[in-house]
């Protein structure tokens, strides 16, 4: 389904079971409300996720459920994410950058859905970045702190989900966390610089140079 600010209930009718329907609709409500509004702990003005705000306005957010019951759940979710990455295309049109696919695992307990989201995100992340795309994980209790405020947790969602979209210049902030192995950071920075570096100056260029030097130093 294509998610907008309208009621998503009609597109969720194919989901069987009250629990799975609740997971799906609560995720849709979270995307349309929490991410598109300001928050007192955000540390800056504007929406929590300006990207999602614009994607929804343009009708470019595709929301789908993925049945992760059974023994092939990880393969099913991984294949769905890879399919979404391919469907993003190459960003040839200027507004393609706002295309997004959000996948909501259903059909299993929270712990299973949580672990699947983390496992699949780690499996697919490197290939997504290499293609100039991002795959993000969201789940209840996500520990990552906000960029502008240590008190804010931007990746906490009501249910575990995965989201894919094209890479944008500000994603350098997510590609250079110290927790990422230095070799991976260097690889990610190479992709970022190939997409944005030549035409970028000021703070973003400074951040790139600092992150590059830090990663190279760690590998000495």
N, C-alpha and C. Protein backbone atom coordinates (compact mmCIF):
# COMPACT_ATOMS: atom_id res chain seq x y z
N UNK A 1 0.84 -1.19 0.00
CA UNK A 1 0.00 0.00 0.00
C UNK A 1 0.87 1.23 0.00
N UNK A 2 0.37 2.30 -0.60
CA UNK A 2 1.04 3.59 -0.54
C UNK A 2 0.46 4.36 0.63
N UNK A 3 1.31 4.70 1.58
CA UNK A 3 0.84 5.37 2.78
C UNK A 3 0.89 6.88 2.58
N UNK A 4 -0.21 7.54 2.95
CA UNK A 4 -0.26 8.99 2.98
C UNK A 4 -0.78 9.39 4.35
N UNK A 5 -1.20 10.62 4.48
CA UNK A 5 -1.77 11.05 5.75
C UNK A 5 -3.22 10.60 5.90
N UNK A 6 -3.73 9.84 4.91
CA UNK A 6 -5.10 9.37 4.98
C UNK A 6 -5.19 8.08 5.80
N UNK A 7 -6.40 7.66 6.12
CA UNK A 7 -6.65 6.45 6.89
C UNK A 7 -6.18 5.23 6.11
N UNK A 8 -5.27 4.39 6.68
CA UNK A 8 -4.75 3.24 5.93
C UNK A 8 -5.59 1.98 6.11
N UNK A 9 -6.72 2.05 6.79
CA UNK A 9 -7.41 0.83 7.19
C UNK A 9 -7.85 -0.02 6.01
N UNK A 10 -8.28 0.59 4.91
CA UNK A 10 -8.77 -0.18 3.78
C UNK A 10 -7.68 -1.02 3.14
N UNK A 11 -6.44 -0.56 3.19
CA UNK A 11 -5.33 -1.29 2.59
C UNK A 11 -4.82 -2.40 3.50
N UNK A 12 -5.30 -2.46 4.71
CA UNK A 12 -4.84 -3.47 5.66
C UNK A 12 -5.82 -4.62 5.79
N UNK A 13 -6.83 -4.65 4.96
CA UNK A 13 -7.88 -5.66 5.10
C UNK A 13 -7.40 -7.07 4.80
N UNK A 14 -6.28 -7.18 4.04
CA UNK A 14 -5.79 -8.51 3.69
C UNK A 14 -5.06 -9.19 4.84
N UNK A 15 -4.78 -8.48 5.92
CA UNK A 15 -4.03 -9.03 7.04
C UNK A 15 -4.96 -9.83 7.93
N UNK A 16 -4.58 -11.06 8.19
CA UNK A 16 -5.40 -11.94 9.01
C UNK A 16 -4.97 -11.87 10.47
N UNK A 17 -5.93 -11.85 11.37
CA UNK A 17 -5.62 -11.86 12.80
C UNK A 17 -5.58 -10.47 13.38
N UNK A 18 -6.23 -10.32 14.53
CA UNK A 18 -6.32 -9.01 15.17
C UNK A 18 -4.95 -8.51 15.62
N UNK A 19 -4.09 -9.41 16.10
CA UNK A 19 -2.77 -8.95 16.55
C UNK A 19 -1.97 -8.37 15.39
N UNK A 20 -1.96 -9.07 14.25
CA UNK A 20 -1.18 -8.59 13.12
C UNK A 20 -1.76 -7.32 12.54
N UNK A 21 -3.08 -7.21 12.52
CA UNK A 21 -3.72 -6.00 12.05
C UNK A 21 -3.38 -4.82 12.95
N UNK A 22 -3.35 -5.06 14.26
CA UNK A 22 -2.97 -4.00 15.21
C UNK A 22 -1.53 -3.56 14.98
N UNK A 23 -0.62 -4.52 14.79
CA UNK A 23 0.78 -4.19 14.53
C UNK A 23 0.90 -3.29 13.31
N UNK A 24 0.19 -3.65 12.25
CA UNK A 24 0.27 -2.90 11.00
C UNK A 24 -0.28 -1.49 11.14
N UNK A 25 -1.47 -1.38 11.72
CA UNK A 25 -2.11 -0.06 11.81
C UNK A 25 -1.40 0.84 12.80
N UNK A 26 -0.87 0.28 13.90
CA UNK A 26 -0.13 1.10 14.86
C UNK A 26 1.17 1.61 14.24
N UNK A 27 1.79 0.81 13.39
CA UNK A 27 2.98 1.27 12.70
C UNK A 27 2.65 2.39 11.72
N UNK A 28 1.56 2.25 10.99
CA UNK A 28 1.13 3.31 10.07
C UNK A 28 0.85 4.60 10.83
N UNK A 29 0.17 4.50 11.96
CA UNK A 29 -0.12 5.69 12.77
C UNK A 29 1.16 6.35 13.27
N UNK A 30 2.14 5.54 13.66
CA UNK A 30 3.43 6.07 14.15
C UNK A 30 4.17 6.81 13.04
N UNK A 31 4.18 6.24 11.85
CA UNK A 31 4.84 6.90 10.72
C UNK A 31 4.20 8.25 10.42
N UNK A 32 2.88 8.30 10.51
CA UNK A 32 2.16 9.51 10.13
C UNK A 32 2.11 10.55 11.24
N UNK A 33 2.37 10.15 12.46
CA UNK A 33 2.25 11.10 13.56
C UNK A 33 3.61 11.41 14.19
N UNK A 34 4.23 10.44 14.84
CA UNK A 34 5.48 10.69 15.56
C UNK A 34 6.58 11.22 14.65
N UNK A 35 6.81 10.58 13.51
CA UNK A 35 7.94 10.97 12.65
C UNK A 35 7.72 12.30 11.94
N UNK A 36 6.49 12.72 11.78
CA UNK A 36 6.21 13.93 11.01
C UNK A 36 5.93 15.15 11.89
N UNK A 37 6.14 14.99 13.18
CA UNK A 37 5.89 16.09 14.11
C UNK A 37 7.14 16.42 14.90
N UNK A 38 7.12 17.56 15.55
CA UNK A 38 8.25 17.94 16.41
C UNK A 38 8.17 17.17 17.73
N UNK A 39 9.25 17.22 18.47
CA UNK A 39 9.30 16.53 19.76
C UNK A 39 10.12 17.38 20.73
N UNK A 40 9.68 17.50 21.98
CA UNK A 40 10.38 18.39 22.92
C UNK A 40 11.82 17.97 23.21
N UNK A 41 12.16 16.69 23.00
CA UNK A 41 13.52 16.22 23.27
C UNK A 41 14.37 16.11 22.01
N UNK A 42 13.85 16.55 20.89
CA UNK A 42 14.54 16.38 19.62
C UNK A 42 15.85 17.17 19.55
N UNK A 43 15.87 18.36 20.11
CA UNK A 43 17.09 19.17 20.11
C UNK A 43 17.20 20.11 18.93
N UNK A 44 16.18 20.19 18.11
CA UNK A 44 16.13 21.12 16.98
C UNK A 44 14.67 21.35 16.61
N UNK A 45 14.44 22.28 15.73
CA UNK A 45 13.09 22.55 15.26
C UNK A 45 12.72 21.59 14.13
N UNK A 46 11.42 21.47 13.89
CA UNK A 46 10.95 20.69 12.77
C UNK A 46 10.55 19.28 13.14
N UNK A 47 10.20 18.52 12.12
CA UNK A 47 9.73 17.15 12.31
C UNK A 47 10.86 16.24 12.77
N UNK A 48 10.50 15.18 13.47
CA UNK A 48 11.49 14.18 13.87
C UNK A 48 12.22 13.66 12.65
N UNK A 49 11.49 13.37 11.57
CA UNK A 49 12.09 12.88 10.33
C UNK A 49 11.56 13.71 9.16
N UNK A 50 12.26 14.77 8.77
CA UNK A 50 11.80 15.58 7.64
C UNK A 50 11.65 14.77 6.36
N UNK A 51 12.47 13.74 6.21
CA UNK A 51 12.36 12.89 5.02
C UNK A 51 10.98 12.23 4.96
N UNK A 52 10.56 11.61 6.06
CA UNK A 52 9.27 10.94 6.07
C UNK A 52 8.13 11.94 5.89
N UNK A 53 8.28 13.10 6.46
CA UNK A 53 7.25 14.13 6.31
C UNK A 53 7.02 14.43 4.82
N UNK A 54 8.12 14.61 4.08
CA UNK A 54 8.00 14.93 2.66
C UNK A 54 7.57 13.71 1.84
N UNK A 55 8.07 12.53 2.20
CA UNK A 55 7.71 11.31 1.48
C UNK A 55 6.20 11.06 1.56
N UNK A 56 5.63 11.26 2.74
CA UNK A 56 4.19 11.07 2.90
C UNK A 56 3.40 12.11 2.12
N UNK A 57 3.88 13.34 2.12
CA UNK A 57 3.18 14.40 1.39
C UNK A 57 3.13 14.08 -0.10
N UNK A 58 4.20 13.48 -0.61
CA UNK A 58 4.29 13.15 -2.03
C UNK A 58 3.67 11.80 -2.36
N UNK A 59 3.23 11.06 -1.33
CA UNK A 59 2.67 9.73 -1.56
C UNK A 59 3.71 8.74 -2.04
N UNK A 60 4.94 8.84 -1.50
CA UNK A 60 6.04 8.00 -1.95
C UNK A 60 6.43 6.93 -0.93
N UNK A 61 5.65 6.74 0.13
CA UNK A 61 5.96 5.73 1.14
C UNK A 61 5.10 4.50 0.93
N UNK A 62 5.75 3.37 0.67
CA UNK A 62 5.04 2.09 0.50
C UNK A 62 5.17 1.29 1.78
N UNK A 63 4.06 0.92 2.37
CA UNK A 63 4.03 0.18 3.63
C UNK A 63 3.48 -1.21 3.36
N UNK A 64 4.19 -2.23 3.84
CA UNK A 64 3.73 -3.61 3.61
C UNK A 64 4.02 -4.46 4.83
N UNK A 65 3.22 -5.51 5.00
CA UNK A 65 3.46 -6.48 6.06
C UNK A 65 4.21 -7.67 5.47
N UNK A 66 5.04 -8.31 6.30
CA UNK A 66 5.79 -9.49 5.89
C UNK A 66 5.54 -10.59 6.92
N UNK A 67 4.98 -11.70 6.47
CA UNK A 67 4.70 -12.82 7.37
C UNK A 67 6.01 -13.52 7.73
N UNK A 68 6.38 -13.46 9.00
CA UNK A 68 7.63 -14.06 9.44
C UNK A 68 7.38 -15.28 10.32
N UNK A 69 6.23 -15.91 10.14
CA UNK A 69 5.98 -17.18 10.82
C UNK A 69 6.67 -18.30 10.04
N UNK A 70 7.00 -19.37 10.72
CA UNK A 70 7.58 -20.51 10.03
C UNK A 70 9.09 -20.50 9.98
N UNK A 71 9.65 -21.53 9.38
CA UNK A 71 11.10 -21.75 9.41
C UNK A 71 11.87 -20.91 8.40
N UNK A 72 11.20 -20.36 7.41
CA UNK A 72 11.89 -19.57 6.37
C UNK A 72 11.70 -18.08 6.57
N UNK A 73 11.44 -17.67 7.80
CA UNK A 73 11.11 -16.27 8.08
C UNK A 73 12.25 -15.32 7.73
N UNK A 74 13.48 -15.68 8.09
CA UNK A 74 14.61 -14.79 7.82
C UNK A 74 14.82 -14.62 6.32
N UNK A 75 14.75 -15.71 5.58
CA UNK A 75 14.94 -15.62 4.13
C UNK A 75 13.83 -14.79 3.51
N UNK A 76 12.61 -14.97 3.99
CA UNK A 76 11.47 -14.23 3.43
C UNK A 76 11.65 -12.73 3.65
N UNK A 77 12.05 -12.34 4.87
CA UNK A 77 12.22 -10.92 5.16
C UNK A 77 13.41 -10.35 4.39
N UNK A 78 14.49 -11.11 4.31
CA UNK A 78 15.67 -10.65 3.56
C UNK A 78 15.33 -10.44 2.10
N UNK A 79 14.63 -11.38 1.50
CA UNK A 79 14.25 -11.25 0.09
C UNK A 79 13.34 -10.06 -0.13
N UNK A 80 12.46 -9.78 0.82
CA UNK A 80 11.56 -8.64 0.70
C UNK A 80 12.34 -7.34 0.73
N UNK A 81 13.32 -7.25 1.64
CA UNK A 81 14.15 -6.04 1.72
C UNK A 81 14.95 -5.85 0.44
N UNK A 82 15.54 -6.92 -0.06
CA UNK A 82 16.33 -6.80 -1.30
C UNK A 82 15.45 -6.42 -2.49
N UNK A 83 14.25 -6.93 -2.52
CA UNK A 83 13.33 -6.54 -3.57
C UNK A 83 12.99 -5.06 -3.48
N UNK A 84 12.79 -4.57 -2.27
CA UNK A 84 12.49 -3.15 -2.08
C UNK A 84 13.67 -2.28 -2.52
N UNK A 85 14.88 -2.73 -2.21
CA UNK A 85 16.06 -1.98 -2.63
C UNK A 85 16.14 -1.88 -4.15
N UNK A 86 15.83 -2.97 -4.83
CA UNK A 86 15.84 -2.93 -6.30
C UNK A 86 14.75 -2.00 -6.83
N UNK A 87 13.60 -2.03 -6.19
CA UNK A 87 12.48 -1.23 -6.67
C UNK A 87 12.68 0.26 -6.43
N UNK A 88 13.60 0.62 -5.57
CA UNK A 88 13.91 2.04 -5.38
C UNK A 88 14.47 2.65 -6.66
N UNK A 89 15.08 1.80 -7.48
CA UNK A 89 15.68 2.30 -8.71
C UNK A 89 17.03 2.95 -8.44
N UNK A 90 17.42 3.83 -9.36
CA UNK A 90 18.74 4.48 -9.29
C UNK A 90 18.65 5.97 -8.95
N UNK A 91 17.46 6.43 -8.60
CA UNK A 91 17.33 7.83 -8.23
C UNK A 91 17.52 8.78 -9.40
N UNK A 92 17.13 8.33 -10.61
CA UNK A 92 17.35 9.16 -11.80
C UNK A 92 16.53 10.45 -11.76
N UNK A 93 15.30 10.36 -11.28
CA UNK A 93 14.46 11.56 -11.17
C UNK A 93 14.75 12.27 -9.86
N UNK A 94 14.65 13.59 -9.88
CA UNK A 94 15.04 14.38 -8.71
C UNK A 94 14.26 14.02 -7.46
N UNK A 95 12.96 13.76 -7.61
CA UNK A 95 12.15 13.47 -6.42
C UNK A 95 12.10 11.99 -6.08
N UNK A 96 12.86 11.14 -6.80
CA UNK A 96 12.95 9.73 -6.43
C UNK A 96 13.58 9.55 -5.07
N UNK A 97 14.31 10.56 -4.62
CA UNK A 97 14.96 10.46 -3.32
C UNK A 97 13.95 10.27 -2.20
N UNK A 98 12.69 10.63 -2.44
CA UNK A 98 11.66 10.51 -1.41
C UNK A 98 10.93 9.18 -1.44
N UNK A 99 11.30 8.28 -2.34
CA UNK A 99 10.71 6.95 -2.34
C UNK A 99 11.18 6.18 -1.11
N UNK A 100 10.26 5.47 -0.47
CA UNK A 100 10.62 4.68 0.72
C UNK A 100 9.74 3.45 0.79
N UNK A 101 10.32 2.36 1.24
CA UNK A 101 9.59 1.12 1.50
C UNK A 101 9.74 0.77 2.97
N UNK A 102 8.63 0.59 3.65
CA UNK A 102 8.63 0.24 5.06
C UNK A 102 8.01 -1.14 5.21
N UNK A 103 8.76 -2.07 5.80
CA UNK A 103 8.31 -3.46 5.94
C UNK A 103 8.03 -3.78 7.40
N UNK A 104 6.85 -4.30 7.66
CA UNK A 104 6.38 -4.58 9.02
C UNK A 104 6.27 -6.09 9.21
N UNK A 105 7.19 -6.72 9.92
CA UNK A 105 7.05 -8.16 10.18
C UNK A 105 5.82 -8.44 11.04
N UNK A 106 5.08 -9.47 10.68
CA UNK A 106 3.92 -9.92 11.45
C UNK A 106 3.94 -11.44 11.50
N UNK A 107 3.08 -12.01 12.35
CA UNK A 107 2.95 -13.46 12.39
C UNK A 107 3.84 -14.15 13.40
N UNK A 108 4.52 -13.38 14.27
CA UNK A 108 5.40 -13.97 15.26
C UNK A 108 5.43 -13.09 16.50
N UNK A 109 5.97 -13.62 17.59
CA UNK A 109 6.07 -12.85 18.82
C UNK A 109 7.09 -11.72 18.67
N UNK A 110 6.99 -10.75 19.57
CA UNK A 110 7.84 -9.57 19.51
C UNK A 110 9.32 -9.92 19.48
N UNK A 111 9.76 -10.84 20.32
CA UNK A 111 11.17 -11.19 20.41
C UNK A 111 11.70 -11.72 19.08
N UNK A 112 10.90 -12.52 18.42
CA UNK A 112 11.31 -13.07 17.12
C UNK A 112 11.37 -11.97 16.07
N UNK A 113 10.38 -11.12 16.04
CA UNK A 113 10.37 -10.03 15.06
C UNK A 113 11.54 -9.08 15.29
N UNK A 114 11.82 -8.80 16.55
CA UNK A 114 12.93 -7.94 16.92
C UNK A 114 14.25 -8.50 16.41
N UNK A 115 14.52 -9.78 16.69
CA UNK A 115 15.77 -10.40 16.28
C UNK A 115 15.89 -10.48 14.76
N UNK A 116 14.79 -10.76 14.09
CA UNK A 116 14.83 -10.82 12.63
C UNK A 116 15.17 -9.47 12.02
N UNK A 117 14.59 -8.42 12.55
CA UNK A 117 14.86 -7.07 12.04
C UNK A 117 16.35 -6.74 12.21
N UNK A 118 16.91 -7.04 13.35
CA UNK A 118 18.32 -6.73 13.59
C UNK A 118 19.22 -7.58 12.70
N UNK A 119 18.91 -8.85 12.58
CA UNK A 119 19.73 -9.76 11.77
C UNK A 119 19.71 -9.38 10.30
N UNK A 120 18.53 -9.14 9.76
CA UNK A 120 18.41 -8.82 8.34
C UNK A 120 19.03 -7.46 8.03
N UNK A 121 18.87 -6.49 8.92
CA UNK A 121 19.47 -5.18 8.68
C UNK A 121 20.99 -5.29 8.58
N UNK A 122 21.60 -6.06 9.46
CA UNK A 122 23.05 -6.24 9.42
C UNK A 122 23.48 -7.00 8.16
N UNK A 123 22.68 -7.94 7.73
CA UNK A 123 23.02 -8.73 6.55
C UNK A 123 22.99 -7.91 5.27
N UNK A 124 22.06 -6.98 5.20
CA UNK A 124 21.81 -6.26 3.95
C UNK A 124 22.46 -4.88 3.93
N UNK A 125 22.87 -4.37 5.07
CA UNK A 125 23.33 -2.97 5.16
C UNK A 125 24.45 -2.65 4.19
N UNK A 126 25.50 -3.47 4.16
CA UNK A 126 26.67 -3.15 3.33
C UNK A 126 26.31 -3.09 1.85
N UNK A 127 25.52 -4.02 1.37
CA UNK A 127 25.15 -4.01 -0.04
C UNK A 127 24.22 -2.84 -0.36
N UNK A 128 23.39 -2.46 0.61
CA UNK A 128 22.53 -1.30 0.40
C UNK A 128 23.36 -0.03 0.27
N UNK A 129 24.30 0.17 1.18
CA UNK A 129 25.14 1.36 1.14
C UNK A 129 25.97 1.39 -0.14
N UNK A 130 26.50 0.25 -0.54
CA UNK A 130 27.29 0.19 -1.77
C UNK A 130 26.49 0.65 -2.98
N UNK A 131 25.17 0.47 -2.93
CA UNK A 131 24.29 0.89 -4.02
C UNK A 131 23.76 2.30 -3.83
N UNK A 132 24.27 3.01 -2.80
CA UNK A 132 23.81 4.36 -2.54
C UNK A 132 22.45 4.43 -1.90
N UNK A 133 22.13 3.40 -1.10
CA UNK A 133 20.83 3.31 -0.45
C UNK A 133 21.01 3.02 1.04
N UNK A 134 19.95 3.17 1.79
CA UNK A 134 19.99 2.96 3.23
C UNK A 134 18.92 1.96 3.64
N UNK A 135 19.27 1.10 4.61
CA UNK A 135 18.29 0.21 5.21
C UNK A 135 18.36 0.43 6.72
N UNK A 136 17.26 0.86 7.31
CA UNK A 136 17.24 1.22 8.72
C UNK A 136 16.36 0.30 9.53
N UNK A 137 16.77 0.10 10.78
CA UNK A 137 16.01 -0.73 11.70
C UNK A 137 15.38 0.15 12.76
N UNK A 138 14.16 -0.18 13.13
CA UNK A 138 13.44 0.51 14.19
C UNK A 138 12.78 -0.56 15.05
N UNK A 139 12.79 -0.37 16.36
CA UNK A 139 12.13 -1.33 17.24
C UNK A 139 11.93 -0.72 18.62
N UNK A 140 11.07 -1.28 19.43
CA UNK A 140 10.86 -0.77 20.79
C UNK A 140 12.16 -0.83 21.59
N UNK A 141 12.49 0.27 22.27
CA UNK A 141 13.67 0.31 23.10
C UNK A 141 14.98 0.48 22.36
N UNK A 142 14.95 0.88 21.09
CA UNK A 142 16.19 1.06 20.33
C UNK A 142 17.11 2.03 21.07
N UNK A 143 18.38 1.66 21.28
CA UNK A 143 19.25 2.48 22.13
C UNK A 143 19.90 3.68 21.46
N UNK A 144 19.85 3.78 20.14
CA UNK A 144 20.59 4.86 19.48
C UNK A 144 20.08 6.23 19.91
N UNK A 145 21.02 7.09 20.24
CA UNK A 145 20.67 8.44 20.69
C UNK A 145 20.50 9.38 19.50
N UNK A 146 19.78 10.46 19.74
CA UNK A 146 19.56 11.45 18.70
C UNK A 146 20.83 12.20 18.37
N UNK A 147 20.90 12.74 17.17
CA UNK A 147 22.07 13.49 16.73
C UNK A 147 22.19 14.81 17.48
N UNK A 148 21.07 15.42 17.81
CA UNK A 148 21.07 16.74 18.44
C UNK A 148 20.76 16.69 19.94
N UNK A 149 20.42 15.51 20.46
CA UNK A 149 20.07 15.40 21.87
C UNK A 149 20.30 13.97 22.35
N UNK A 150 21.09 13.84 23.42
CA UNK A 150 21.34 12.51 23.99
C UNK A 150 20.10 11.92 24.63
N UNK A 151 19.12 12.78 24.95
CA UNK A 151 17.92 12.29 25.62
C UNK A 151 16.91 11.70 24.64
N UNK A 152 17.10 11.95 23.36
CA UNK A 152 16.12 11.54 22.36
C UNK A 152 16.50 10.20 21.75
N UNK A 153 15.50 9.36 21.47
CA UNK A 153 15.73 8.06 20.85
C UNK A 153 14.90 7.99 19.56
N UNK A 154 15.47 8.41 18.44
CA UNK A 154 14.69 8.55 17.20
C UNK A 154 14.28 7.24 16.55
N UNK A 155 14.94 6.13 16.90
CA UNK A 155 14.65 4.86 16.23
C UNK A 155 13.76 3.93 17.06
N UNK A 156 13.17 4.48 18.11
CA UNK A 156 12.21 3.70 18.90
C UNK A 156 10.85 3.73 18.19
N UNK A 157 10.34 2.57 17.87
CA UNK A 157 9.05 2.45 17.20
C UNK A 157 8.16 1.50 18.00
N UNK A 158 6.86 1.52 17.75
CA UNK A 158 5.97 0.64 18.52
C UNK A 158 6.15 -0.84 18.20
N UNK A 159 6.69 -1.15 17.00
CA UNK A 159 6.91 -2.53 16.59
C UNK A 159 8.19 -2.58 15.74
N UNK A 160 8.87 -3.71 15.69
CA UNK A 160 10.07 -3.82 14.85
C UNK A 160 9.72 -3.67 13.37
N UNK A 161 10.47 -2.82 12.68
CA UNK A 161 10.26 -2.61 11.25
C UNK A 161 11.60 -2.37 10.57
N UNK A 162 11.61 -2.51 9.26
CA UNK A 162 12.75 -2.17 8.42
C UNK A 162 12.28 -1.17 7.37
N UNK A 163 13.14 -0.20 7.05
CA UNK A 163 12.80 0.80 6.05
C UNK A 163 13.98 1.00 5.10
N UNK A 164 13.70 1.15 3.82
CA UNK A 164 14.75 1.40 2.84
C UNK A 164 14.41 2.65 2.04
N UNK A 165 15.47 3.37 1.65
CA UNK A 165 15.33 4.59 0.87
C UNK A 165 16.67 4.91 0.22
N UNK A 166 16.69 5.92 -0.64
CA UNK A 166 17.92 6.38 -1.24
C UNK A 166 18.76 7.12 -0.20
N UNK A 167 20.07 7.07 -0.37
CA UNK A 167 20.96 7.80 0.53
C UNK A 167 20.88 9.30 0.25
N UNK A 168 20.93 10.09 1.33
CA UNK A 168 20.98 11.55 1.21
C UNK A 168 22.22 12.05 1.93
N UNK A 169 22.57 13.30 1.71
CA UNK A 169 23.83 13.82 2.20
C UNK A 169 23.97 13.72 3.72
N UNK A 170 22.88 13.89 4.44
CA UNK A 170 22.94 13.86 5.90
C UNK A 170 23.18 12.46 6.45
N UNK A 171 23.10 11.43 5.61
CA UNK A 171 23.31 10.07 6.08
C UNK A 171 24.74 9.81 6.51
N UNK A 172 25.66 10.71 6.21
CA UNK A 172 27.01 10.53 6.71
C UNK A 172 27.01 10.42 8.24
N UNK A 173 26.02 11.02 8.87
CA UNK A 173 25.91 10.94 10.33
C UNK A 173 25.65 9.51 10.80
N UNK A 174 24.94 8.73 9.98
CA UNK A 174 24.61 7.35 10.34
C UNK A 174 25.66 6.35 9.85
N UNK A 175 26.57 6.80 9.00
CA UNK A 175 27.58 5.92 8.43
C UNK A 175 28.90 5.96 9.17
N UNK A 176 28.99 6.84 10.16
CA UNK A 176 30.30 7.07 10.81
C UNK A 176 30.26 6.88 12.32
N UNK A 177 29.26 6.17 12.82
CA UNK A 177 29.22 5.90 14.26
C UNK A 177 30.47 5.12 14.67
N UNK A 178 31.06 5.43 15.82
CA UNK A 178 32.26 4.71 16.28
C UNK A 178 32.05 3.21 16.42
N UNK A 179 30.80 2.80 16.67
CA UNK A 179 30.52 1.36 16.83
C UNK A 179 30.69 0.59 15.53
N UNK A 180 30.64 1.29 14.39
CA UNK A 180 30.84 0.63 13.10
C UNK A 180 32.32 0.33 12.92
N UNK A 181 32.71 -0.89 12.54
CA UNK A 181 34.13 -1.20 12.33
C UNK A 181 34.77 -0.21 11.36
N UNK A 182 36.04 0.13 11.64
CA UNK A 182 36.72 1.17 10.86
C UNK A 182 36.75 0.84 9.37
N UNK A 183 36.98 -0.42 9.02
CA UNK A 183 37.02 -0.79 7.60
C UNK A 183 35.68 -0.56 6.93
N UNK A 184 34.59 -0.84 7.64
CA UNK A 184 33.26 -0.59 7.09
C UNK A 184 33.00 0.90 6.94
N UNK A 185 33.44 1.68 7.93
CA UNK A 185 33.26 3.13 7.84
C UNK A 185 33.98 3.69 6.62
N UNK A 186 35.20 3.21 6.37
CA UNK A 186 35.93 3.68 5.19
C UNK A 186 35.19 3.34 3.91
N UNK A 187 34.63 2.14 3.86
CA UNK A 187 33.88 1.73 2.68
C UNK A 187 32.65 2.61 2.49
N UNK A 188 31.95 2.87 3.58
CA UNK A 188 30.74 3.70 3.51
C UNK A 188 31.09 5.14 3.10
N UNK A 189 32.18 5.65 3.66
CA UNK A 189 32.59 7.02 3.34
C UNK A 189 32.96 7.16 1.87
N UNK A 190 33.55 6.12 1.29
CA UNK A 190 33.89 6.15 -0.12
C UNK A 190 32.63 6.29 -0.97
N UNK A 191 31.59 5.53 -0.61
CA UNK A 191 30.33 5.63 -1.34
C UNK A 191 29.73 7.02 -1.18
N UNK A 192 29.69 7.49 0.06
CA UNK A 192 29.12 8.82 0.34
C UNK A 192 29.85 9.90 -0.44
N UNK A 193 31.17 9.85 -0.43
CA UNK A 193 31.95 10.88 -1.12
C UNK A 193 31.72 10.82 -2.63
N UNK A 194 31.57 9.60 -3.15
CA UNK A 194 31.29 9.48 -4.58
C UNK A 194 29.96 10.10 -4.97
N UNK A 195 28.99 10.07 -4.06
CA UNK A 195 27.68 10.63 -4.35
C UNK A 195 27.60 12.13 -4.08
N UNK A 196 28.25 12.58 -3.01
CA UNK A 196 28.03 13.95 -2.55
C UNK A 196 29.30 14.78 -2.37
N UNK A 197 30.45 14.13 -2.28
CA UNK A 197 31.66 14.83 -1.85
C UNK A 197 32.15 15.91 -2.77
N UNK A 198 32.09 15.66 -4.07
CA UNK A 198 32.66 16.62 -5.00
C UNK A 198 31.95 17.97 -4.98
N UNK A 199 30.67 17.98 -4.71
CA UNK A 199 29.93 19.24 -4.71
C UNK A 199 29.62 19.74 -3.31
N UNK A 200 30.29 19.16 -2.31
CA UNK A 200 29.98 19.49 -0.93
C UNK A 200 31.13 20.27 -0.29
N UNK A 201 30.77 21.31 0.44
CA UNK A 201 31.75 22.10 1.18
C UNK A 201 31.18 22.42 2.55
N UNK A 202 31.96 23.10 3.38
CA UNK A 202 31.47 23.51 4.69
C UNK A 202 31.40 22.37 5.68
N UNK A 203 30.39 22.36 6.55
CA UNK A 203 30.31 21.38 7.64
C UNK A 203 30.32 19.94 7.19
N UNK A 204 29.64 19.63 6.08
CA UNK A 204 29.59 18.24 5.64
C UNK A 204 30.96 17.76 5.15
N UNK A 205 31.66 18.63 4.45
CA UNK A 205 33.01 18.29 4.00
C UNK A 205 33.95 18.13 5.20
N UNK A 206 33.79 18.98 6.19
CA UNK A 206 34.63 18.89 7.40
C UNK A 206 34.35 17.58 8.13
N UNK A 207 33.08 17.21 8.24
CA UNK A 207 32.73 15.97 8.92
C UNK A 207 33.30 14.77 8.17
N UNK A 208 33.25 14.82 6.85
CA UNK A 208 33.82 13.74 6.05
C UNK A 208 35.31 13.60 6.31
N UNK A 209 36.05 14.71 6.29
CA UNK A 209 37.50 14.66 6.49
C UNK A 209 37.85 14.12 7.87
N UNK A 210 37.12 14.54 8.88
CA UNK A 210 37.38 14.07 10.25
C UNK A 210 37.08 12.58 10.38
N UNK A 211 35.95 12.16 9.83
CA UNK A 211 35.57 10.75 9.91
C UNK A 211 36.55 9.87 9.14
N UNK A 212 37.00 10.35 8.00
CA UNK A 212 37.97 9.61 7.20
C UNK A 212 39.28 9.44 7.95
N UNK A 213 39.76 10.55 8.54
CA UNK A 213 41.03 10.49 9.29
C UNK A 213 40.92 9.56 10.49
N UNK A 214 39.79 9.59 11.18
CA UNK A 214 39.61 8.75 12.37
C UNK A 214 39.60 7.27 12.00
N UNK A 215 38.91 6.94 10.91
CA UNK A 215 38.84 5.54 10.50
C UNK A 215 40.20 5.04 10.04
N UNK A 216 40.91 5.85 9.28
CA UNK A 216 42.25 5.47 8.79
C UNK A 216 43.22 5.29 9.96
N UNK A 217 43.11 6.15 10.95
CA UNK A 217 43.99 6.04 12.13
C UNK A 217 43.75 4.74 12.87
N UNK A 218 42.50 4.32 12.99
CA UNK A 218 42.17 3.09 13.69
C UNK A 218 42.74 1.86 12.99
N UNK A 219 42.92 1.96 11.69
CA UNK A 219 43.40 0.82 10.91
C UNK A 219 44.92 0.73 10.84
N UNK A 220 45.62 1.73 11.37
CA UNK A 220 47.08 1.71 11.36
C UNK A 220 47.62 0.62 12.26
